[in-house]
Amino acid sequence: MWDIMKNENLIIYIMMLGTFGVLSTEMGVVGILPQIAQYFNVDITQAGLFVSLFALTIAICGIFMPLVFSKFDRKKSFILVLTVFTVFSTIGAFVTDFNIALVCRIIPAIFHPIYCGLALTVAAEIVEPEKAQDAVSKVIMGVSAGMIVGVPITTFVATNFGYQFSMLCFALVTFIALIATVIFFPSLPGKEQSYGNQVKVATTGVFIVSVLGVIFLNGGMYTAYSYISEFLNTITNIFGTELSIVLFIYGVASIVGNWAGAKLLNTKTRLTVLTFPIIFSVLMVAVFMLGGLKIPMIALMIIWGLLAGIGNDISQYWMVSAAPDAPEFANGIFLSMGNVGITLGTTIAGAVVLGMGVQYVMLAAIVVMIVDLALIFLRTNRYNI
């Protein structure tokens, strides 16, 4: 174990900031698609490419990029990624051509899995084994904060100061993380990996079941969440600043959920994993029935945020525990398949909204969670992990 263990908290907090910046850049634009469409004079579906192409690039590159970079010094890899994000977010703030702006989104997305995948691996490596899940959950807090808290923050900035300032905010956060990495982050040697041995785990039954489990777990969560703003607008009558506040509260709750998820996975692993789809489905029934009542819905959003944080912990745990000897590869697959799940959930939700109405996405999410529950039972019964 490295001498830098005494500085483990500083290292983890820097990686939390880095993952927050990286994930804010990815997901923050979800709340400002109308501003993007107006700024570039394109329709809203074209503006949606800012999200979908970013996610698709991660889904592809997450399979191999963390593994390729696993042999290099961690500090140098992190500096490279944060530099790319800072530079292209800054360029993206000033270009006026939509296609060039898309390129400024896609290039950072290629490097995205390197930072997040290696940060999760490093967090587990620099602490005692019994503290590994707690350390990983702190990095996942940065992921959750970027994915969820980043949306209302970006929406507020874009609404009050314009699209360019929101992009510069992304650049500022990754730049601060970059400076902190250069000054305070120690040199951490990479590890020579046998690509064949790492990738070989992808052929095992437990790994395949775990991949499907992560896809459907995220698919269920994002079937419900991807149109939550529309749901709160049309069903609950929550708009504007009030909507941003509710989404921010949801995000804070998800960060608390990350912490709680780590504790639960350390003490009641199987029970936590098995009951999650059931509890989430019960919540969706409550949202479907009480969505028109403002106060109960806000309370349900807090519970929803807690479960979202726990769900992120479960996804990462499932992949790494299925391939404990290939952590870089497993964390890359966690990011990749998580994005596949987001795409699946968003696609299902879109079809349901068009065909039945936004409130029915909650029932569709239950169907996806039932599939995930079957996969969880399969893994726990057949592979006993």
Protein backbone atom coordinates (compact mmCIF):
# COMPACT_ATOMS: atom_id res chain seq x y z
CA MET A 1 0.00 0.00 0.00
CA TRP A 2 1.28 3.43 -0.90
CA ASP A 3 2.69 5.94 1.59
CA ILE A 4 0.05 8.40 0.44
CA MET A 5 -2.61 6.56 2.42
CA LYS A 6 -2.26 9.24 5.10
CA ASN A 7 -3.53 11.73 2.49
CA GLU A 8 -6.34 9.46 1.32
CA ASN A 9 -9.12 11.90 2.24
CA LEU A 10 -7.56 14.76 0.26
CA ILE A 11 -7.12 12.48 -2.76
CA ILE A 12 -10.72 11.27 -2.55
CA TYR A 13 -12.10 14.82 -2.22
CA ILE A 14 -10.14 15.95 -5.28
CA MET A 15 -11.57 13.02 -7.23
CA MET A 16 -15.06 13.89 -5.95
CA LEU A 17 -14.63 17.41 -7.34
CA GLY A 18 -13.29 16.04 -10.61
CA THR A 19 -16.17 13.61 -11.07
CA PHE A 20 -18.63 16.38 -10.20
CA GLY A 21 -17.15 18.55 -12.93
CA VAL A 22 -17.05 15.76 -15.49
CA LEU A 23 -20.63 14.60 -14.78
CA SER A 24 -21.96 18.18 -14.65
CA THR A 25 -20.55 18.68 -18.13
CA GLU A 26 -22.33 15.53 -19.30
CA MET A 27 -25.74 15.88 -17.63
CA GLY A 28 -26.04 19.60 -16.86
CA VAL A 29 -27.25 20.37 -20.38
CA VAL A 30 -30.39 18.27 -19.78
CA GLY A 31 -32.02 21.29 -18.17
CA ILE A 32 -30.98 23.83 -20.81
CA LEU A 33 -31.92 22.13 -24.09
CA PRO A 34 -34.38 24.95 -24.96
CA GLN A 35 -31.61 27.54 -24.51
CA ILE A 36 -29.26 25.43 -26.66
CA ALA A 37 -31.89 25.14 -29.39
CA GLN A 38 -32.46 28.90 -29.32
CA TYR A 39 -28.75 29.78 -29.21
CA PHE A 40 -27.85 27.64 -32.23
CA ASN A 41 -31.19 28.12 -34.01
CA VAL A 42 -31.95 24.39 -34.17
CA ASP A 43 -34.99 22.39 -33.05
CA ILE A 44 -35.21 20.74 -29.64
CA THR A 45 -34.53 17.24 -30.98
CA GLN A 46 -31.26 18.42 -32.54
CA ALA A 47 -30.33 20.08 -29.25
CA GLY A 48 -30.93 16.69 -27.61
CA LEU A 49 -27.85 15.43 -29.47
CA PHE A 50 -25.83 17.28 -26.82
CA VAL A 51 -27.04 14.60 -24.41
CA SER A 52 -27.50 11.49 -26.55
CA LEU A 53 -24.20 11.67 -28.46
CA PHE A 54 -22.31 12.29 -25.22
CA ALA A 55 -23.97 9.24 -23.60
CA LEU A 56 -23.42 7.07 -26.68
CA THR A 57 -19.73 7.99 -26.79
CA ILE A 58 -19.34 7.05 -23.11
CA ALA A 59 -21.18 3.78 -23.68
CA ILE A 60 -18.65 2.85 -26.37
CA CYS A 61 -15.46 4.24 -24.84
CA GLY A 62 -16.26 3.04 -21.32
CA ILE A 63 -15.70 -0.53 -22.49
CA PHE A 64 -11.99 -0.04 -23.16
CA MET A 65 -10.63 3.43 -22.25
CA PRO A 66 -10.16 2.90 -18.46
CA LEU A 67 -8.40 -0.39 -19.17
CA VAL A 68 -6.10 1.17 -21.80
CA PHE A 69 -5.09 3.96 -19.40
CA SER A 70 -4.76 1.71 -16.35
CA LYS A 71 -1.01 1.27 -16.93
CA PHE A 72 -0.26 5.01 -16.89
CA ASP A 73 0.37 7.20 -13.84
CA ARG A 74 -3.03 8.11 -12.36
CA LYS A 75 -2.12 11.75 -11.83
CA LYS A 76 -1.08 12.24 -15.46
CA SER A 77 -4.26 10.55 -16.70
CA PHE A 78 -6.44 12.77 -14.51
CA ILE A 79 -4.59 15.91 -15.63
CA LEU A 80 -5.10 14.92 -19.28
CA VAL A 81 -8.84 14.36 -18.86
CA LEU A 82 -9.49 17.54 -16.86
CA THR A 83 -7.48 19.58 -19.37
CA VAL A 84 -9.53 18.21 -22.26
CA PHE A 85 -12.80 18.99 -20.46
CA THR A 86 -11.70 22.51 -19.52
CA VAL A 87 -10.43 23.39 -22.99
CA PHE A 88 -13.39 22.06 -24.97
CA SER A 89 -16.03 23.44 -22.59
CA THR A 90 -14.39 26.85 -23.01
CA ILE A 91 -14.28 26.53 -26.81
CA GLY A 92 -17.87 25.28 -26.80
CA ALA A 93 -18.98 28.44 -25.02
CA PHE A 94 -17.82 30.66 -27.87
CA VAL A 95 -18.47 28.70 -31.08
CA THR A 96 -21.60 29.57 -33.03
CA ASP A 97 -21.68 26.59 -35.40
CA PHE A 98 -23.82 23.76 -34.03
CA ASN A 99 -21.75 20.99 -35.60
CA ILE A 100 -18.52 22.35 -34.10
CA ALA A 101 -20.30 22.60 -30.75
CA LEU A 102 -21.21 18.91 -31.05
CA VAL A 103 -17.57 18.05 -31.68
CA CYS A 104 -16.69 20.00 -28.52
CA ARG A 105 -19.09 17.68 -26.68
CA ILE A 106 -17.97 14.40 -28.23
CA ILE A 107 -14.20 14.82 -27.65
CA PRO A 108 -14.50 15.17 -23.82
CA ALA A 109 -16.95 12.25 -23.81
CA ILE A 110 -14.19 10.02 -25.20
CA PHE A 111 -12.07 10.79 -22.12
CA HIS A 112 -14.94 10.77 -19.60
CA PRO A 113 -14.69 7.03 -18.70
CA ILE A 114 -10.95 7.36 -18.02
CA TYR A 115 -11.49 9.79 -15.16
CA CYS A 116 -14.55 8.18 -13.61
CA GLY A 117 -13.39 4.58 -14.06
CA LEU A 118 -9.91 5.19 -12.65
CA ALA A 119 -11.22 7.41 -9.82
CA LEU A 120 -13.43 4.56 -8.60
CA THR A 121 -10.48 2.15 -8.82
CA VAL A 122 -8.07 4.51 -7.04
CA ALA A 123 -10.58 5.20 -4.25
CA ALA A 124 -10.76 1.48 -3.47
CA GLU A 125 -6.99 0.98 -3.75
CA ILE A 126 -5.73 3.69 -1.39
CA VAL A 127 -7.76 2.67 1.69
CA GLU A 128 -7.96 -0.40 3.86
CA PRO A 129 -10.10 -3.16 2.28
CA GLU A 130 -12.88 -2.74 4.83
CA LYS A 131 -13.12 0.98 3.93
CA ALA A 132 -13.16 0.44 0.17
CA GLN A 133 -16.94 0.68 -0.34
CA ASP A 134 -17.12 3.87 1.74
CA ALA A 135 -14.30 5.42 -0.31
CA VAL A 136 -15.92 4.42 -3.59
CA SER A 137 -19.28 5.80 -2.44
CA LYS A 138 -17.66 9.21 -1.85
CA VAL A 139 -16.50 9.31 -5.47
CA ILE A 140 -19.97 8.21 -6.55
CA MET A 141 -21.30 11.19 -4.56
CA GLY A 142 -19.43 13.35 -7.05
CA VAL A 143 -21.02 11.37 -9.88
CA SER A 144 -24.51 11.79 -8.41
CA ALA A 145 -23.96 15.47 -7.65
CA GLY A 146 -22.85 16.09 -11.22
CA MET A 147 -25.71 14.11 -12.73
CA ILE A 148 -28.47 15.51 -10.55
CA VAL A 149 -27.40 18.67 -8.68
CA GLY A 150 -25.61 19.87 -11.82
CA VAL A 151 -28.92 20.07 -13.69
CA PRO A 152 -30.68 22.72 -11.55
CA ILE A 153 -27.45 24.71 -11.12
CA THR A 154 -26.87 24.78 -14.87
CA THR A 155 -30.52 25.63 -15.49
CA PHE A 156 -30.32 28.56 -13.07
CA VAL A 157 -27.14 29.92 -14.68
CA ALA A 158 -28.43 29.55 -18.24
CA THR A 159 -31.80 31.08 -17.37
CA ASN A 160 -30.28 34.13 -15.70
CA PHE A 161 -27.02 34.63 -17.61
CA GLY A 162 -27.32 32.69 -20.87
CA TYR A 163 -26.01 29.55 -22.54
CA GLN A 164 -22.38 30.73 -22.77
CA PHE A 165 -22.07 31.26 -19.02
CA SER A 166 -23.41 27.78 -18.30
CA MET A 167 -20.71 26.26 -20.51
CA LEU A 168 -18.06 28.40 -18.83
CA CYS A 169 -19.29 27.13 -15.46
CA PHE A 170 -18.50 23.59 -16.60
CA ALA A 171 -15.02 24.75 -17.61
CA LEU A 172 -14.49 26.54 -14.29
CA VAL A 173 -15.29 23.46 -12.16
CA THR A 174 -13.00 21.15 -14.15
CA PHE A 175 -10.29 23.84 -14.14
CA ILE A 176 -10.42 24.07 -10.33
CA ALA A 177 -10.20 20.27 -10.14
CA LEU A 178 -7.28 20.39 -12.58
CA ILE A 179 -5.34 22.89 -10.46
CA ALA A 180 -6.03 20.87 -7.30
CA THR A 181 -4.79 17.73 -9.06
CA VAL A 182 -1.60 19.39 -10.29
CA ILE A 183 -0.77 20.85 -6.86
CA PHE A 184 -2.01 18.31 -4.34
CA PHE A 185 -2.48 14.97 -6.07
CA PRO A 186 0.47 12.58 -5.63
CA SER A 187 2.00 10.53 -8.38
CA LEU A 188 0.28 7.13 -8.32
CA PRO A 189 1.84 4.52 -10.58
CA GLY A 190 -0.44 2.61 -12.89
CA LYS A 191 -0.47 -1.15 -13.11
CA GLU A 192 0.61 -3.27 -16.04
CA GLN A 193 -2.47 -5.21 -17.00
CA SER A 194 -3.02 -8.29 -19.08
CA TYR A 195 -5.83 -7.08 -21.33
CA GLY A 196 -6.73 -10.64 -22.22
CA ASN A 197 -7.13 -11.71 -18.59
CA GLN A 198 -9.17 -8.62 -17.71
CA VAL A 199 -11.46 -8.85 -20.72
CA LYS A 200 -11.86 -12.61 -20.22
CA VAL A 201 -14.12 -11.93 -17.23
CA ALA A 202 -16.68 -10.58 -19.70
CA THR A 203 -17.35 -14.17 -20.80
CA THR A 204 -18.29 -15.44 -17.33
CA GLY A 205 -21.95 -16.03 -16.50
CA VAL A 206 -21.94 -13.89 -13.38
CA PHE A 207 -20.46 -10.95 -15.31
CA ILE A 208 -23.04 -11.20 -18.10
CA VAL A 209 -25.92 -11.36 -15.62
CA SER A 210 -24.41 -8.39 -13.75
CA VAL A 211 -24.15 -6.35 -16.96
CA LEU A 212 -27.82 -6.97 -17.70
CA GLY A 213 -28.69 -6.17 -14.09
CA VAL A 214 -26.93 -2.79 -14.26
CA ILE A 215 -28.62 -1.96 -17.58
CA PHE A 216 -32.12 -2.71 -16.28
CA LEU A 217 -31.50 -1.12 -12.88
CA ASN A 218 -30.50 2.15 -14.54
CA GLY A 219 -33.16 1.64 -17.19
CA GLY A 220 -35.84 1.43 -14.51
CA MET A 221 -34.59 4.49 -12.66
CA TYR A 222 -34.33 6.61 -15.82
CA THR A 223 -37.62 5.42 -17.30
CA ALA A 224 -39.13 7.31 -14.38
CA TYR A 225 -36.62 10.17 -14.04
CA SER A 226 -35.93 11.21 -17.64
CA TYR A 227 -39.25 13.10 -17.92
CA ILE A 228 -39.51 14.16 -14.28
CA SER A 229 -39.50 17.88 -15.15
CA GLU A 230 -42.42 17.34 -17.52
CA PHE A 231 -44.20 15.27 -14.86
CA LEU A 232 -43.74 17.95 -12.18
CA ASN A 233 -44.90 20.63 -14.63
CA THR A 234 -48.04 18.96 -15.97
CA ILE A 235 -49.13 16.70 -13.10
CA THR A 236 -47.89 18.46 -9.94
CA ASN A 237 -47.97 22.06 -11.26
CA ILE A 238 -44.40 22.82 -10.15
CA PHE A 239 -42.63 25.30 -12.44
CA GLY A 240 -39.61 27.59 -12.78
CA THR A 241 -37.59 28.36 -9.68
CA GLU A 242 -39.76 26.04 -7.60
CA LEU A 243 -38.91 23.20 -10.00
CA SER A 244 -35.18 23.95 -9.70
CA ILE A 245 -35.46 23.87 -5.90
CA VAL A 246 -37.29 20.52 -5.91
CA LEU A 247 -34.72 19.00 -8.29
CA PHE A 248 -31.92 20.39 -6.12
CA ILE A 249 -33.46 18.80 -3.01
CA TYR A 250 -33.71 15.55 -4.94
CA GLY A 251 -30.02 15.82 -5.79
CA VAL A 252 -28.98 16.49 -2.20
CA ALA A 253 -31.04 13.48 -1.10
CA SER A 254 -29.26 11.33 -3.70
CA ILE A 255 -25.89 12.28 -2.21
CA VAL A 256 -27.14 11.21 1.21
CA GLY A 257 -28.34 8.03 -0.49
CA ASN A 258 -24.80 7.36 -1.73
CA TRP A 259 -23.54 7.47 1.83
CA ALA A 260 -26.40 5.29 3.10
CA GLY A 261 -25.93 2.85 0.22
CA ALA A 262 -22.29 2.26 1.14
CA LYS A 263 -23.26 1.50 4.74
CA LEU A 264 -26.03 -0.86 3.68
CA LEU A 265 -23.84 -2.70 1.16
CA ASN A 266 -21.19 -3.19 3.86
CA THR A 267 -23.61 -4.60 6.44
CA LYS A 268 -26.65 -6.01 4.58
CA THR A 269 -25.41 -6.59 1.04
CA ARG A 270 -27.83 -9.20 -0.26
CA LEU A 271 -30.89 -7.69 1.45
CA THR A 272 -30.07 -4.24 0.05
CA VAL A 273 -29.69 -5.50 -3.51
CA LEU A 274 -32.74 -7.78 -3.44
CA THR A 275 -35.15 -5.28 -1.92
CA PHE A 276 -34.12 -2.24 -3.97
CA PRO A 277 -36.30 -2.93 -7.06
CA ILE A 278 -39.26 -3.74 -4.80
CA ILE A 279 -38.96 -0.56 -2.72
CA PHE A 280 -38.41 1.54 -5.86
CA SER A 281 -41.53 0.01 -7.46
CA VAL A 282 -43.63 0.81 -4.38
CA LEU A 283 -42.37 4.39 -4.61
CA MET A 284 -43.43 4.56 -8.28
CA VAL A 285 -46.95 3.45 -7.33
CA ALA A 286 -47.06 6.22 -4.73
CA VAL A 287 -45.83 8.80 -7.26
CA PHE A 288 -48.43 7.63 -9.79
CA MET A 289 -51.24 7.96 -7.24
CA LEU A 290 -50.13 11.12 -5.40
CA GLY A 291 -48.33 13.01 -8.17
CA GLY A 292 -51.06 15.65 -8.35
CA LEU A 293 -50.57 16.68 -4.71
CA LYS A 294 -47.69 19.11 -4.26
CA ILE A 295 -46.60 18.50 -0.65
CA PRO A 296 -46.77 14.68 -0.80
CA MET A 297 -44.95 14.75 -4.14
CA ILE A 298 -42.11 16.83 -2.73
CA ALA A 299 -41.78 14.32 0.13
CA LEU A 300 -41.74 11.47 -2.39
CA MET A 301 -39.02 13.27 -4.38
CA ILE A 302 -36.81 13.23 -1.28
CA ILE A 303 -37.30 9.48 -0.89
CA TRP A 304 -36.73 9.07 -4.63
CA GLY A 305 -33.43 10.92 -4.36
CA LEU A 306 -32.28 8.67 -1.51
CA LEU A 307 -33.08 5.60 -3.59
CA ALA A 308 -31.32 7.03 -6.65
CA GLY A 309 -28.11 7.39 -4.64
CA ILE A 310 -28.39 3.85 -3.29
CA GLY A 311 -29.08 2.57 -6.80
CA ASN A 312 -25.84 4.10 -8.11
CA ASP A 313 -23.90 2.35 -5.34
CA ILE A 314 -25.56 -0.97 -6.15
CA SER A 315 -24.72 -0.66 -9.86
CA GLN A 316 -21.03 -0.06 -9.18
CA TYR A 317 -20.85 -2.79 -6.52
CA TRP A 318 -22.50 -5.31 -8.83
CA MET A 319 -19.98 -4.82 -11.61
CA VAL A 320 -16.84 -4.78 -9.46
CA SER A 321 -17.93 -7.73 -7.31
CA ALA A 322 -18.50 -9.72 -10.51
CA ALA A 323 -14.88 -9.09 -11.58
CA PRO A 324 -12.80 -8.34 -8.45
CA ASP A 325 -9.52 -9.04 -10.27
CA ALA A 326 -10.31 -6.62 -13.11
CA PRO A 327 -11.41 -3.39 -11.37
CA GLU A 328 -10.50 -0.96 -14.19
CA PHE A 329 -12.40 -3.02 -16.73
CA ALA A 330 -15.36 -3.52 -14.36
CA ASN A 331 -15.61 0.20 -13.52
CA GLY A 332 -15.45 1.05 -17.22
CA ILE A 333 -18.27 -1.39 -17.91
CA PHE A 334 -20.23 0.09 -14.98
CA LEU A 335 -20.06 3.53 -16.64
CA SER A 336 -20.73 2.13 -20.10
CA MET A 337 -23.71 -0.03 -19.16
CA GLY A 338 -25.08 2.69 -16.90
CA ASN A 339 -25.29 4.91 -19.97
CA VAL A 340 -26.89 2.09 -21.97
CA GLY A 341 -29.48 1.86 -19.18
CA ILE A 342 -30.07 5.61 -19.31
CA THR A 343 -30.61 5.34 -23.08
CA LEU A 344 -32.98 2.38 -22.60
CA GLY A 345 -34.98 4.16 -19.91
CA THR A 346 -35.19 7.41 -21.84
CA THR A 347 -36.35 5.57 -24.98
CA ILE A 348 -39.04 3.63 -23.10
CA ALA A 349 -40.21 6.78 -21.33
CA GLY A 350 -40.42 8.72 -24.58
CA ALA A 351 -42.62 6.05 -26.15
CA VAL A 352 -44.87 5.95 -23.08
CA VAL A 353 -45.21 9.75 -22.95
CA LEU A 354 -46.23 9.88 -26.61
CA GLY A 355 -48.60 6.93 -26.39
CA MET A 356 -50.18 7.18 -22.95
CA GLY A 357 -49.10 10.31 -21.07
CA VAL A 358 -46.26 11.31 -18.78
CA GLN A 359 -47.78 9.91 -15.58
CA TYR A 360 -47.63 6.37 -16.97
CA VAL A 361 -43.81 6.38 -17.11
CA MET A 362 -43.94 5.46 -13.42
CA LEU A 363 -45.80 2.23 -14.21
CA ALA A 364 -43.42 1.51 -17.09
CA ALA A 365 -40.51 1.88 -14.67
CA ILE A 366 -42.03 -0.86 -12.49
CA VAL A 367 -42.06 -3.26 -15.45
CA VAL A 368 -38.35 -2.60 -16.08
CA MET A 369 -37.60 -3.08 -12.37
CA ILE A 370 -39.38 -6.45 -12.40
CA VAL A 371 -36.96 -7.61 -15.09
CA ASP A 372 -34.07 -6.35 -12.96
CA LEU A 373 -35.42 -8.18 -9.91
CA ALA A 374 -35.45 -11.44 -11.89
CA LEU A 375 -31.79 -10.87 -12.85
CA ILE A 376 -30.90 -10.16 -9.20
CA PHE A 377 -32.54 -13.42 -8.10
CA LEU A 378 -30.68 -15.26 -10.86
CA ARG A 379 -27.31 -13.93 -9.76
CA THR A 380 -27.80 -14.41 -6.02
CA ASN A 381 -29.22 -17.94 -6.38
CA ARG A 382 -26.94 -19.30 -9.11
CA TYR A 383 -23.68 -17.55 -8.22
CA ASN A 384 -24.28 -16.86 -4.51
CA ILE A 385 -22.86 -13.33 -4.71
